[in-house]
Amino acid sequence: MCAGVDGVLGLALAGGAGTRVGGEDKGLLPLSGRPMVEHVLDHLRTQCERVLIVANRNLDRYASYAPTIHDEALGHAGPLAGLIAAFGFLDANRHALPRWLLTVSIDCPDAPRDLAARLHAALAARDATRCAYARIAGKPQPLFALYRIGGGPLTWKQSAQAALREHGSPWRWHTSLNAIAVDFGDGVDAFHNLNTLEDFRDYERTHD
């Protein structure tokens, strides 16, 4: 469970095309002897009551690590397609609605362990605000976000669907929602995405 935050579902977004790793599924590539997804879920499980993966391939393999659903679109439509699928899943399972949805990217092994708590603190101070996202060194990180679910997962789904049709940008969607940024200082390493095989090797050299 999240320290000081109840009712959080953690969502790992695993729908990327892996273009810069030869089309491989980055979440399943080995990192320091374990698949990347295990590192990501380790960080989520310290903050969340439950975890979920959304992917568009290798669902059986991902399902061996956590409950897994297919994203909304064929091919690689981007993270909004994963969010749409997650909101749809929540709407279909209203008997177990979380209060909050925390999202992280599958290619970031070291998301801050206080990510949920700090985003939640920002939202708790603003009852009318529905989403908070991380910002580091002045740069928004919209895939690292906390959504106030309440009783409206269908409303969230419809909003994300409209954004996917119009532009496909999580950042532009957050702007339209008046989402708030939460500064994580200059801790770039905490949000470092591993995009290439060289990134994987560099991480292993500096973390082993």
N, C-alpha and C. Protein backbone atom coordinates (compact mmCIF):
# COMPACT_ATOMS: atom_id res chain seq x y z
N MET A 1 0.84 -1.20 0.00
CA MET A 1 0.00 0.00 0.00
C MET A 1 0.88 1.24 0.00
N CYS A 2 0.41 2.29 -0.64
CA CYS A 2 1.14 3.54 -0.63
C CYS A 2 1.23 4.07 0.80
N ALA A 3 2.38 4.55 1.18
CA ALA A 3 2.53 5.17 2.48
C ALA A 3 1.68 6.43 2.54
N GLY A 4 0.62 6.42 3.38
CA GLY A 4 -0.20 7.59 3.55
C GLY A 4 -1.24 7.82 2.46
N VAL A 5 -1.34 6.93 1.48
CA VAL A 5 -2.31 7.09 0.39
C VAL A 5 -3.04 5.77 0.20
N ASP A 6 -4.35 5.80 0.35
CA ASP A 6 -5.14 4.59 0.18
C ASP A 6 -5.78 4.55 -1.20
N GLY A 7 -6.08 3.35 -1.66
CA GLY A 7 -6.89 3.18 -2.86
C GLY A 7 -6.19 3.53 -4.15
N VAL A 8 -4.89 3.21 -4.26
CA VAL A 8 -4.14 3.52 -5.47
C VAL A 8 -3.93 2.26 -6.31
N LEU A 9 -4.28 2.34 -7.57
CA LEU A 9 -3.96 1.31 -8.56
C LEU A 9 -2.78 1.81 -9.38
N GLY A 10 -1.72 1.02 -9.44
CA GLY A 10 -0.56 1.37 -10.23
C GLY A 10 -0.63 0.77 -11.62
N LEU A 11 -0.39 1.58 -12.63
CA LEU A 11 -0.50 1.15 -14.02
C LEU A 11 0.84 1.32 -14.72
N ALA A 12 1.38 0.21 -15.24
CA ALA A 12 2.60 0.25 -16.05
C ALA A 12 2.20 0.29 -17.52
N LEU A 13 2.61 1.34 -18.21
CA LEU A 13 2.28 1.53 -19.62
C LEU A 13 3.34 0.86 -20.47
N ALA A 14 2.97 -0.23 -21.15
CA ALA A 14 3.94 -1.06 -21.87
C ALA A 14 3.58 -1.21 -23.34
N GLY A 15 3.12 -0.14 -23.96
CA GLY A 15 2.65 -0.26 -25.34
C GLY A 15 3.59 0.26 -26.40
N GLY A 16 4.86 0.51 -26.06
CA GLY A 16 5.77 1.10 -27.03
C GLY A 16 6.19 0.14 -28.13
N ALA A 17 6.64 0.71 -29.23
CA ALA A 17 7.05 -0.09 -30.38
C ALA A 17 8.48 -0.61 -30.28
N GLY A 18 9.27 -0.04 -29.37
CA GLY A 18 10.65 -0.49 -29.21
C GLY A 18 11.52 -0.23 -30.44
N THR A 19 11.25 0.86 -31.13
CA THR A 19 11.95 1.15 -32.39
C THR A 19 13.46 1.20 -32.21
N ARG A 20 13.90 1.80 -31.11
CA ARG A 20 15.34 1.98 -30.91
C ARG A 20 16.02 0.80 -30.25
N VAL A 21 15.26 -0.27 -30.01
CA VAL A 21 15.88 -1.52 -29.54
C VAL A 21 15.55 -2.65 -30.53
N GLY A 22 15.48 -2.29 -31.80
CA GLY A 22 15.27 -3.29 -32.83
C GLY A 22 13.89 -3.90 -32.85
N GLY A 23 12.90 -3.16 -32.35
CA GLY A 23 11.53 -3.66 -32.34
C GLY A 23 11.22 -4.60 -31.19
N GLU A 24 12.17 -4.78 -30.27
CA GLU A 24 11.93 -5.64 -29.11
C GLU A 24 10.98 -4.95 -28.14
N ASP A 25 10.38 -5.74 -27.28
CA ASP A 25 9.50 -5.22 -26.24
C ASP A 25 10.37 -4.84 -25.05
N LYS A 26 10.54 -3.53 -24.81
CA LYS A 26 11.49 -3.08 -23.80
C LYS A 26 11.16 -3.61 -22.40
N GLY A 27 9.90 -3.76 -22.10
CA GLY A 27 9.54 -4.23 -20.78
C GLY A 27 10.01 -5.63 -20.47
N LEU A 28 10.29 -6.41 -21.51
CA LEU A 28 10.71 -7.79 -21.33
C LEU A 28 12.20 -8.00 -21.56
N LEU A 29 12.91 -6.94 -21.94
CA LEU A 29 14.35 -7.06 -22.11
C LEU A 29 15.04 -7.20 -20.75
N PRO A 30 16.13 -7.96 -20.70
CA PRO A 30 16.82 -8.14 -19.42
C PRO A 30 17.56 -6.88 -18.99
N LEU A 31 17.48 -6.61 -17.70
CA LEU A 31 18.19 -5.47 -17.11
C LEU A 31 18.73 -5.94 -15.76
N SER A 32 20.04 -5.99 -15.63
CA SER A 32 20.67 -6.47 -14.39
C SER A 32 20.12 -7.83 -13.97
N GLY A 33 19.94 -8.70 -14.96
CA GLY A 33 19.55 -10.07 -14.67
C GLY A 33 18.07 -10.34 -14.54
N ARG A 34 17.24 -9.29 -14.68
CA ARG A 34 15.78 -9.47 -14.59
C ARG A 34 15.11 -8.68 -15.68
N PRO A 35 13.93 -9.09 -16.13
CA PRO A 35 13.21 -8.28 -17.12
C PRO A 35 12.91 -6.89 -16.56
N MET A 36 12.96 -5.91 -17.43
CA MET A 36 12.68 -4.53 -17.02
C MET A 36 11.38 -4.42 -16.24
N VAL A 37 10.34 -5.15 -16.65
CA VAL A 37 9.04 -5.03 -16.00
C VAL A 37 9.13 -5.34 -14.51
N GLU A 38 10.01 -6.22 -14.11
CA GLU A 38 10.13 -6.53 -12.69
C GLU A 38 10.64 -5.34 -11.90
N HIS A 39 11.59 -4.61 -12.46
CA HIS A 39 12.09 -3.41 -11.79
C HIS A 39 10.97 -2.38 -11.63
N VAL A 40 10.21 -2.19 -12.71
CA VAL A 40 9.12 -1.20 -12.69
C VAL A 40 8.07 -1.58 -11.65
N LEU A 41 7.68 -2.85 -11.63
CA LEU A 41 6.64 -3.29 -10.69
C LEU A 41 7.13 -3.24 -9.25
N ASP A 42 8.41 -3.49 -9.03
CA ASP A 42 8.95 -3.38 -7.67
C ASP A 42 8.68 -1.99 -7.10
N HIS A 43 8.89 -0.96 -7.91
CA HIS A 43 8.66 0.41 -7.45
C HIS A 43 7.17 0.69 -7.28
N LEU A 44 6.36 0.18 -8.18
CA LEU A 44 4.91 0.42 -8.05
C LEU A 44 4.34 -0.27 -6.82
N ARG A 45 4.78 -1.48 -6.55
CA ARG A 45 4.16 -2.25 -5.46
C ARG A 45 4.46 -1.65 -4.09
N THR A 46 5.52 -0.88 -3.97
CA THR A 46 5.77 -0.22 -2.68
C THR A 46 4.84 0.97 -2.47
N GLN A 47 4.14 1.39 -3.52
CA GLN A 47 3.31 2.59 -3.44
C GLN A 47 1.83 2.32 -3.65
N CYS A 48 1.48 1.15 -4.15
CA CYS A 48 0.11 0.90 -4.62
C CYS A 48 -0.47 -0.36 -4.00
N GLU A 49 -1.78 -0.35 -3.83
CA GLU A 49 -2.47 -1.52 -3.32
C GLU A 49 -2.54 -2.63 -4.36
N ARG A 50 -2.69 -2.23 -5.61
CA ARG A 50 -2.77 -3.19 -6.72
C ARG A 50 -1.98 -2.64 -7.90
N VAL A 51 -1.59 -3.53 -8.81
CA VAL A 51 -0.88 -3.10 -10.00
C VAL A 51 -1.54 -3.73 -11.23
N LEU A 52 -1.36 -3.07 -12.36
CA LEU A 52 -1.93 -3.51 -13.63
C LEU A 52 -0.94 -3.13 -14.73
N ILE A 53 -0.85 -3.98 -15.75
CA ILE A 53 -0.03 -3.68 -16.92
C ILE A 53 -0.96 -3.53 -18.11
N VAL A 54 -0.70 -2.55 -18.95
CA VAL A 54 -1.41 -2.45 -20.22
C VAL A 54 -0.38 -2.54 -21.34
N ALA A 55 -0.61 -3.46 -22.28
CA ALA A 55 0.36 -3.73 -23.33
C ALA A 55 -0.39 -4.03 -24.63
N ASN A 56 0.36 -4.06 -25.74
CA ASN A 56 -0.29 -4.41 -27.00
C ASN A 56 0.34 -5.63 -27.68
N ARG A 57 1.24 -6.31 -26.97
CA ARG A 57 1.81 -7.57 -27.43
C ARG A 57 2.38 -8.30 -26.21
N ASN A 58 2.65 -9.58 -26.40
CA ASN A 58 3.23 -10.39 -25.32
C ASN A 58 2.40 -10.36 -24.04
N LEU A 59 1.08 -10.33 -24.20
CA LEU A 59 0.23 -10.23 -23.01
C LEU A 59 0.40 -11.42 -22.08
N ASP A 60 0.57 -12.62 -22.64
CA ASP A 60 0.73 -13.80 -21.79
C ASP A 60 1.99 -13.70 -20.93
N ARG A 61 3.06 -13.18 -21.51
CA ARG A 61 4.30 -13.05 -20.75
C ARG A 61 4.16 -11.99 -19.67
N TYR A 62 3.56 -10.86 -20.00
CA TYR A 62 3.35 -9.84 -18.99
C TYR A 62 2.43 -10.33 -17.87
N ALA A 63 1.46 -11.14 -18.23
CA ALA A 63 0.49 -11.61 -17.24
C ALA A 63 1.13 -12.50 -16.18
N SER A 64 2.33 -13.00 -16.45
CA SER A 64 3.03 -13.80 -15.43
C SER A 64 3.60 -12.90 -14.32
N TYR A 65 3.62 -11.59 -14.56
CA TYR A 65 4.14 -10.65 -13.57
C TYR A 65 3.04 -9.88 -12.85
N ALA A 66 1.93 -9.62 -13.53
CA ALA A 66 0.83 -8.86 -12.94
C ALA A 66 -0.37 -8.97 -13.87
N PRO A 67 -1.59 -8.70 -13.38
CA PRO A 67 -2.75 -8.67 -14.28
C PRO A 67 -2.48 -7.73 -15.45
N THR A 68 -2.87 -8.17 -16.66
CA THR A 68 -2.50 -7.46 -17.87
C THR A 68 -3.71 -7.32 -18.78
N ILE A 69 -3.86 -6.13 -19.39
CA ILE A 69 -4.93 -5.91 -20.35
C ILE A 69 -4.33 -5.38 -21.65
N HIS A 70 -5.08 -5.52 -22.72
CA HIS A 70 -4.65 -5.05 -24.04
C HIS A 70 -5.03 -3.60 -24.20
N ASP A 71 -4.13 -2.82 -24.84
CA ASP A 71 -4.48 -1.41 -25.01
C ASP A 71 -5.58 -1.23 -26.04
N GLU A 72 -6.00 0.00 -26.23
CA GLU A 72 -7.24 0.30 -26.95
C GLU A 72 -7.13 0.16 -28.45
N ALA A 73 -5.94 0.35 -29.01
CA ALA A 73 -5.81 0.46 -30.46
C ALA A 73 -4.89 -0.61 -31.02
N LEU A 74 -5.05 -0.91 -32.30
CA LEU A 74 -4.13 -1.79 -32.99
C LEU A 74 -2.82 -1.07 -33.23
N GLY A 75 -1.74 -1.83 -33.35
CA GLY A 75 -0.45 -1.21 -33.59
C GLY A 75 0.06 -0.51 -32.34
N HIS A 76 0.78 0.58 -32.53
CA HIS A 76 1.37 1.31 -31.41
C HIS A 76 0.85 2.74 -31.44
N ALA A 77 -0.30 2.94 -30.81
CA ALA A 77 -0.98 4.24 -30.87
C ALA A 77 -0.50 5.20 -29.78
N GLY A 78 0.39 4.75 -28.91
CA GLY A 78 0.91 5.64 -27.88
C GLY A 78 0.24 5.45 -26.54
N PRO A 79 0.75 6.16 -25.52
CA PRO A 79 0.27 5.94 -24.15
C PRO A 79 -1.19 6.28 -23.92
N LEU A 80 -1.77 7.19 -24.70
CA LEU A 80 -3.19 7.47 -24.51
C LEU A 80 -4.04 6.23 -24.77
N ALA A 81 -3.62 5.39 -25.71
CA ALA A 81 -4.36 4.16 -25.97
C ALA A 81 -4.33 3.24 -24.75
N GLY A 82 -3.19 3.23 -24.06
CA GLY A 82 -3.11 2.43 -22.84
C GLY A 82 -3.98 2.98 -21.74
N LEU A 83 -4.02 4.29 -21.61
CA LEU A 83 -4.88 4.91 -20.59
C LEU A 83 -6.36 4.66 -20.89
N ILE A 84 -6.73 4.74 -22.15
CA ILE A 84 -8.12 4.47 -22.52
C ILE A 84 -8.51 3.06 -22.11
N ALA A 85 -7.63 2.10 -22.37
CA ALA A 85 -7.91 0.72 -21.99
C ALA A 85 -8.04 0.59 -20.48
N ALA A 86 -7.17 1.28 -19.74
CA ALA A 86 -7.23 1.20 -18.28
C ALA A 86 -8.53 1.79 -17.74
N PHE A 87 -8.93 2.95 -18.26
CA PHE A 87 -10.18 3.56 -17.80
C PHE A 87 -11.38 2.68 -18.17
N GLY A 88 -11.31 2.06 -19.36
CA GLY A 88 -12.38 1.14 -19.74
C GLY A 88 -12.45 -0.06 -18.82
N PHE A 89 -11.29 -0.58 -18.45
CA PHE A 89 -11.23 -1.71 -17.51
C PHE A 89 -11.84 -1.32 -16.17
N LEU A 90 -11.52 -0.13 -15.69
CA LEU A 90 -12.08 0.32 -14.42
C LEU A 90 -13.59 0.49 -14.51
N ASP A 91 -14.07 1.01 -15.64
CA ASP A 91 -15.51 1.20 -15.80
C ASP A 91 -16.24 -0.14 -15.81
N ALA A 92 -15.60 -1.17 -16.37
CA ALA A 92 -16.22 -2.49 -16.43
C ALA A 92 -16.11 -3.24 -15.11
N ASN A 93 -15.29 -2.74 -14.20
CA ASN A 93 -15.08 -3.41 -12.92
C ASN A 93 -15.33 -2.43 -11.77
N ARG A 94 -16.49 -1.82 -11.80
CA ARG A 94 -16.80 -0.77 -10.82
C ARG A 94 -16.90 -1.30 -9.39
N HIS A 95 -17.05 -2.59 -9.23
CA HIS A 95 -17.09 -3.15 -7.88
C HIS A 95 -15.75 -3.01 -7.17
N ALA A 96 -14.70 -2.75 -7.93
CA ALA A 96 -13.36 -2.64 -7.33
C ALA A 96 -12.67 -1.35 -7.77
N LEU A 97 -13.42 -0.27 -7.86
CA LEU A 97 -12.85 0.99 -8.32
C LEU A 97 -11.80 1.52 -7.35
N PRO A 98 -10.61 1.88 -7.85
CA PRO A 98 -9.66 2.57 -6.99
C PRO A 98 -10.04 4.04 -6.87
N ARG A 99 -9.51 4.69 -5.87
CA ARG A 99 -9.72 6.14 -5.76
C ARG A 99 -8.76 6.89 -6.66
N TRP A 100 -7.59 6.27 -6.91
CA TRP A 100 -6.53 6.94 -7.65
C TRP A 100 -5.91 5.97 -8.64
N LEU A 101 -5.42 6.50 -9.75
CA LEU A 101 -4.67 5.72 -10.72
C LEU A 101 -3.31 6.38 -10.90
N LEU A 102 -2.26 5.62 -10.60
CA LEU A 102 -0.89 6.10 -10.74
C LEU A 102 -0.27 5.45 -11.97
N THR A 103 0.26 6.24 -12.90
CA THR A 103 0.83 5.68 -14.12
C THR A 103 2.34 5.91 -14.17
N VAL A 104 3.03 4.90 -14.73
CA VAL A 104 4.47 4.99 -14.98
C VAL A 104 4.75 4.34 -16.33
N SER A 105 5.90 4.68 -16.88
CA SER A 105 6.32 4.10 -18.15
C SER A 105 7.12 2.83 -17.92
N ILE A 106 6.94 1.84 -18.78
CA ILE A 106 7.60 0.55 -18.62
C ILE A 106 9.10 0.64 -18.86
N ASP A 107 9.58 1.71 -19.46
CA ASP A 107 11.02 1.79 -19.75
C ASP A 107 11.78 2.64 -18.73
N CYS A 108 11.17 2.88 -17.57
CA CYS A 108 11.82 3.65 -16.51
C CYS A 108 11.94 2.76 -15.26
N PRO A 109 13.12 2.22 -14.98
CA PRO A 109 13.25 1.25 -13.88
C PRO A 109 13.30 1.88 -12.49
N ASP A 110 13.51 3.19 -12.40
CA ASP A 110 13.75 3.82 -11.09
C ASP A 110 12.83 4.99 -10.81
N ALA A 111 11.54 4.86 -11.04
CA ALA A 111 10.62 5.93 -10.67
C ALA A 111 10.70 6.17 -9.16
N PRO A 112 10.58 7.42 -8.71
CA PRO A 112 10.71 7.70 -7.28
C PRO A 112 9.72 6.89 -6.44
N ARG A 113 10.20 6.44 -5.30
CA ARG A 113 9.34 5.65 -4.43
C ARG A 113 8.33 6.50 -3.67
N ASP A 114 8.48 7.82 -3.76
CA ASP A 114 7.47 8.72 -3.17
C ASP A 114 6.64 9.39 -4.26
N LEU A 115 6.64 8.82 -5.46
CA LEU A 115 5.92 9.43 -6.58
C LEU A 115 4.44 9.60 -6.25
N ALA A 116 3.79 8.52 -5.82
CA ALA A 116 2.36 8.59 -5.51
C ALA A 116 2.08 9.58 -4.38
N ALA A 117 2.89 9.53 -3.33
CA ALA A 117 2.64 10.38 -2.16
C ALA A 117 2.75 11.86 -2.52
N ARG A 118 3.74 12.21 -3.32
CA ARG A 118 3.94 13.63 -3.65
C ARG A 118 2.87 14.13 -4.62
N LEU A 119 2.50 13.31 -5.58
CA LEU A 119 1.42 13.71 -6.49
C LEU A 119 0.09 13.81 -5.75
N HIS A 120 -0.14 12.86 -4.86
CA HIS A 120 -1.38 12.88 -4.08
C HIS A 120 -1.46 14.12 -3.19
N ALA A 121 -0.34 14.49 -2.58
CA ALA A 121 -0.35 15.68 -1.72
C ALA A 121 -0.76 16.92 -2.50
N ALA A 122 -0.30 17.01 -3.75
CA ALA A 122 -0.67 18.15 -4.59
C ALA A 122 -2.16 18.15 -4.90
N LEU A 123 -2.71 16.98 -5.18
CA LEU A 123 -4.14 16.91 -5.49
C LEU A 123 -5.00 17.10 -4.25
N ALA A 124 -4.54 16.61 -3.12
CA ALA A 124 -5.31 16.75 -1.89
C ALA A 124 -5.50 18.21 -1.50
N ALA A 125 -4.58 19.05 -1.95
CA ALA A 125 -4.68 20.48 -1.64
C ALA A 125 -5.58 21.23 -2.61
N ARG A 126 -6.03 20.52 -3.65
CA ARG A 126 -6.86 21.17 -4.68
C ARG A 126 -7.99 20.22 -5.06
N ASP A 127 -9.10 20.33 -4.37
CA ASP A 127 -10.20 19.38 -4.54
C ASP A 127 -10.75 19.34 -5.96
N ALA A 128 -10.66 20.45 -6.69
CA ALA A 128 -11.25 20.50 -8.03
C ALA A 128 -10.30 19.99 -9.11
N THR A 129 -9.05 19.72 -8.75
CA THR A 129 -8.06 19.29 -9.73
C THR A 129 -8.06 17.77 -9.82
N ARG A 130 -8.04 17.27 -11.05
CA ARG A 130 -8.23 15.82 -11.24
C ARG A 130 -6.96 15.07 -11.58
N CYS A 131 -5.89 15.76 -11.90
CA CYS A 131 -4.68 15.08 -12.34
C CYS A 131 -3.45 15.89 -11.95
N ALA A 132 -2.42 15.18 -11.49
CA ALA A 132 -1.12 15.80 -11.22
C ALA A 132 -0.05 14.94 -11.90
N TYR A 133 0.98 15.59 -12.43
CA TYR A 133 2.05 14.87 -13.11
C TYR A 133 3.39 15.39 -12.65
N ALA A 134 4.42 14.59 -12.85
CA ALA A 134 5.76 14.95 -12.42
C ALA A 134 6.41 15.90 -13.41
N ARG A 135 7.29 16.76 -12.88
CA ARG A 135 8.11 17.63 -13.71
C ARG A 135 9.52 17.63 -13.13
N ILE A 136 10.51 17.47 -14.00
CA ILE A 136 11.89 17.49 -13.55
C ILE A 136 12.69 18.46 -14.41
N ALA A 137 13.52 19.24 -13.75
CA ALA A 137 14.35 20.22 -14.44
C ALA A 137 13.53 21.06 -15.41
N GLY A 138 12.29 21.37 -15.03
CA GLY A 138 11.41 22.18 -15.85
C GLY A 138 10.73 21.44 -16.98
N LYS A 139 10.97 20.14 -17.11
CA LYS A 139 10.41 19.37 -18.23
C LYS A 139 9.28 18.48 -17.73
N PRO A 140 8.08 18.56 -18.35
CA PRO A 140 6.97 17.72 -17.91
C PRO A 140 7.21 16.25 -18.23
N GLN A 141 6.73 15.39 -17.32
CA GLN A 141 6.80 13.94 -17.49
C GLN A 141 5.38 13.39 -17.39
N PRO A 142 4.57 13.56 -18.45
CA PRO A 142 3.14 13.26 -18.34
C PRO A 142 2.80 11.79 -18.15
N LEU A 143 3.75 10.88 -18.41
CA LEU A 143 3.46 9.46 -18.20
C LEU A 143 3.57 9.08 -16.73
N PHE A 144 4.12 9.97 -15.91
CA PHE A 144 4.22 9.75 -14.47
C PHE A 144 3.20 10.67 -13.82
N ALA A 145 1.99 10.13 -13.66
CA ALA A 145 0.86 10.98 -13.27
C ALA A 145 -0.06 10.23 -12.32
N LEU A 146 -0.84 11.01 -11.58
CA LEU A 146 -1.85 10.47 -10.68
C LEU A 146 -3.19 11.07 -11.06
N TYR A 147 -4.18 10.20 -11.25
CA TYR A 147 -5.52 10.62 -11.67
C TYR A 147 -6.50 10.36 -10.53
N ARG A 148 -7.36 11.34 -10.30
CA ARG A 148 -8.43 11.21 -9.30
C ARG A 148 -9.61 10.51 -10.00
N ILE A 149 -9.83 9.24 -9.67
CA ILE A 149 -10.84 8.46 -10.39
C ILE A 149 -12.25 8.77 -9.90
N GLY A 150 -12.45 8.80 -8.59
CA GLY A 150 -13.79 9.03 -8.07
C GLY A 150 -14.75 7.98 -8.61
N GLY A 151 -15.89 8.42 -9.08
CA GLY A 151 -16.85 7.49 -9.68
C GLY A 151 -16.93 7.61 -11.18
N GLY A 152 -15.91 8.25 -11.80
CA GLY A 152 -16.04 8.59 -13.21
C GLY A 152 -15.03 8.01 -14.17
N PRO A 153 -14.77 6.69 -14.14
CA PRO A 153 -13.81 6.16 -15.11
C PRO A 153 -14.27 6.30 -16.56
N LEU A 154 -15.58 6.25 -16.79
CA LEU A 154 -16.07 6.39 -18.16
C LEU A 154 -15.81 7.81 -18.67
N THR A 155 -15.97 8.81 -17.82
CA THR A 155 -15.67 10.18 -18.22
C THR A 155 -14.19 10.32 -18.57
N TRP A 156 -13.34 9.70 -17.77
CA TRP A 156 -11.91 9.71 -18.08
C TRP A 156 -11.63 9.05 -19.43
N LYS A 157 -12.26 7.92 -19.66
CA LYS A 157 -12.05 7.21 -20.93
C LYS A 157 -12.47 8.06 -22.11
N GLN A 158 -13.63 8.68 -22.03
CA GLN A 158 -14.11 9.49 -23.14
C GLN A 158 -13.20 10.69 -23.39
N SER A 159 -12.69 11.28 -22.33
CA SER A 159 -11.78 12.41 -22.47
C SER A 159 -10.48 11.99 -23.16
N ALA A 160 -9.92 10.86 -22.74
CA ALA A 160 -8.68 10.37 -23.37
C ALA A 160 -8.92 9.95 -24.82
N GLN A 161 -10.08 9.37 -25.10
CA GLN A 161 -10.40 9.01 -26.49
C GLN A 161 -10.43 10.24 -27.39
N ALA A 162 -11.04 11.31 -26.90
CA ALA A 162 -11.09 12.54 -27.69
C ALA A 162 -9.69 13.07 -27.94
N ALA A 163 -8.84 13.02 -26.93
CA ALA A 163 -7.46 13.49 -27.09
C ALA A 163 -6.69 12.63 -28.08
N LEU A 164 -6.91 11.32 -28.06
CA LEU A 164 -6.22 10.43 -29.00
C LEU A 164 -6.64 10.73 -30.42
N ARG A 165 -7.93 10.99 -30.62
CA ARG A 165 -8.41 11.32 -31.96
C ARG A 165 -7.84 12.66 -32.44
N GLU A 166 -7.75 13.61 -31.55
CA GLU A 166 -7.39 14.98 -31.95
C GLU A 166 -5.89 15.18 -32.12
N HIS A 167 -5.08 14.59 -31.22
CA HIS A 167 -3.64 14.87 -31.30
C HIS A 167 -2.75 13.75 -30.76
N GLY A 168 -3.23 12.91 -29.88
CA GLY A 168 -2.43 11.80 -29.38
C GLY A 168 -1.36 12.16 -28.37
N SER A 169 -1.39 13.36 -27.83
CA SER A 169 -0.34 13.83 -26.92
C SER A 169 -0.83 13.84 -25.47
N PRO A 170 -0.22 13.04 -24.59
CA PRO A 170 -0.60 13.11 -23.17
C PRO A 170 -0.37 14.49 -22.57
N TRP A 171 0.69 15.17 -23.01
CA TRP A 171 0.98 16.51 -22.47
C TRP A 171 -0.11 17.50 -22.85
N ARG A 172 -0.54 17.48 -24.11
CA ARG A 172 -1.61 18.40 -24.52
C ARG A 172 -2.91 18.04 -23.81
N TRP A 173 -3.15 16.78 -23.59
CA TRP A 173 -4.35 16.36 -22.87
C TRP A 173 -4.31 16.89 -21.44
N HIS A 174 -3.19 16.72 -20.77
CA HIS A 174 -3.06 17.24 -19.41
C HIS A 174 -3.29 18.75 -19.37
N THR A 175 -2.78 19.44 -20.37
CA THR A 175 -2.99 20.90 -20.42
C THR A 175 -4.47 21.23 -20.49
N SER A 176 -5.21 20.48 -21.31
CA SER A 176 -6.65 20.72 -21.43
C SER A 176 -7.40 20.40 -20.15
N LEU A 177 -6.83 19.53 -19.32
CA LEU A 177 -7.45 19.15 -18.05
C LEU A 177 -7.09 20.10 -16.92
N ASN A 178 -6.22 21.07 -17.20
CA ASN A 178 -5.67 21.93 -16.15
C ASN A 178 -4.97 21.10 -15.07
N ALA A 179 -4.30 20.04 -15.53
CA ALA A 179 -3.52 19.22 -14.60
C ALA A 179 -2.39 20.06 -14.02
N ILE A 180 -1.94 19.68 -12.83
CA ILE A 180 -0.89 20.44 -12.17
C ILE A 180 0.43 19.67 -12.19
N ALA A 181 1.51 20.42 -12.33
CA ALA A 181 2.85 19.85 -12.32
C ALA A 181 3.39 19.84 -10.90
N VAL A 182 4.06 18.76 -10.55
CA VAL A 182 4.71 18.64 -9.25
C VAL A 182 6.21 18.51 -9.50
N ASP A 183 6.95 19.47 -9.01
CA ASP A 183 8.38 19.48 -9.27
C ASP A 183 9.11 18.43 -8.45
N PHE A 184 9.95 17.65 -9.14
CA PHE A 184 10.82 16.68 -8.49
C PHE A 184 12.28 17.15 -8.61
N GLY A 185 12.47 18.45 -8.64
CA GLY A 185 13.81 19.02 -8.69
C GLY A 185 14.53 18.67 -9.97
N ASP A 186 15.81 18.38 -9.83
CA ASP A 186 16.64 18.01 -10.98
C ASP A 186 16.97 16.53 -10.98
N GLY A 187 16.12 15.72 -10.33
CA GLY A 187 16.40 14.29 -10.21
C GLY A 187 16.16 13.54 -11.50
N VAL A 188 16.91 13.90 -12.54
CA VAL A 188 16.70 13.32 -13.86
C VAL A 188 16.85 11.81 -13.84
N ASP A 189 17.80 11.30 -13.04
CA ASP A 189 18.04 9.86 -13.02
C ASP A 189 16.81 9.08 -12.58
N ALA A 190 15.99 9.69 -11.72
CA ALA A 190 14.81 8.99 -11.22
C ALA A 190 13.76 8.78 -12.31
N PHE A 191 13.83 9.54 -13.37
CA PHE A 191 12.87 9.41 -14.47
C PHE A 191 13.58 9.04 -15.77
N HIS A 192 14.75 8.42 -15.65
CA HIS A 192 15.54 8.14 -16.84
C HIS A 192 14.95 6.99 -17.62
N ASN A 193 14.53 7.27 -18.85
CA ASN A 193 13.99 6.23 -19.72
C ASN A 193 15.13 5.52 -20.42
N LEU A 194 15.06 4.19 -20.48
CA LEU A 194 16.04 3.40 -21.21
C LEU A 194 15.48 3.14 -22.60
N ASN A 195 16.00 3.87 -23.57
CA ASN A 195 15.43 3.84 -24.92
C ASN A 195 16.23 3.00 -25.91
N THR A 196 17.52 2.81 -25.64
CA THR A 196 18.38 2.07 -26.57
C THR A 196 19.09 0.96 -25.81
N LEU A 197 19.68 0.03 -26.55
CA LEU A 197 20.43 -1.03 -25.90
C LEU A 197 21.64 -0.47 -25.15
N GLU A 198 22.21 0.62 -25.66
CA GLU A 198 23.31 1.26 -24.97
C GLU A 198 22.85 1.84 -23.63
N ASP A 199 21.61 2.36 -23.59
CA ASP A 199 21.05 2.84 -22.32
C ASP A 199 20.98 1.70 -21.30
N PHE A 200 20.58 0.52 -21.77
CA PHE A 200 20.51 -0.63 -20.87
C PHE A 200 21.90 -0.96 -20.33
N ARG A 201 22.90 -0.96 -21.20
CA ARG A 201 24.26 -1.29 -20.77
C ARG A 201 24.80 -0.23 -19.82
N ASP A 202 24.51 1.05 -20.10
CA ASP A 202 24.96 2.12 -19.22
C ASP A 202 24.34 1.99 -17.83
N TYR A 203 23.06 1.66 -17.79
CA TYR A 203 22.38 1.48 -16.51
C TYR A 203 23.04 0.36 -15.72
N GLU A 204 23.31 -0.74 -16.37
CA GLU A 204 23.91 -1.88 -15.67
C GLU A 204 25.31 -1.53 -15.14
N ARG A 205 26.05 -0.75 -15.91
CA ARG A 205 27.40 -0.37 -15.47
C ARG A 205 27.35 0.52 -14.23
N THR A 206 26.34 1.36 -14.14
CA THR A 206 26.28 2.32 -13.04
C THR A 206 25.47 1.84 -11.85
N HIS A 207 24.73 0.74 -12.00
CA HIS A 207 23.87 0.27 -10.90
C HIS A 207 24.26 -1.10 -10.36
N ASP A 208 25.17 -1.79 -11.00
CA ASP A 208 25.58 -3.11 -10.48
C ASP A 208 26.67 -2.97 -9.43
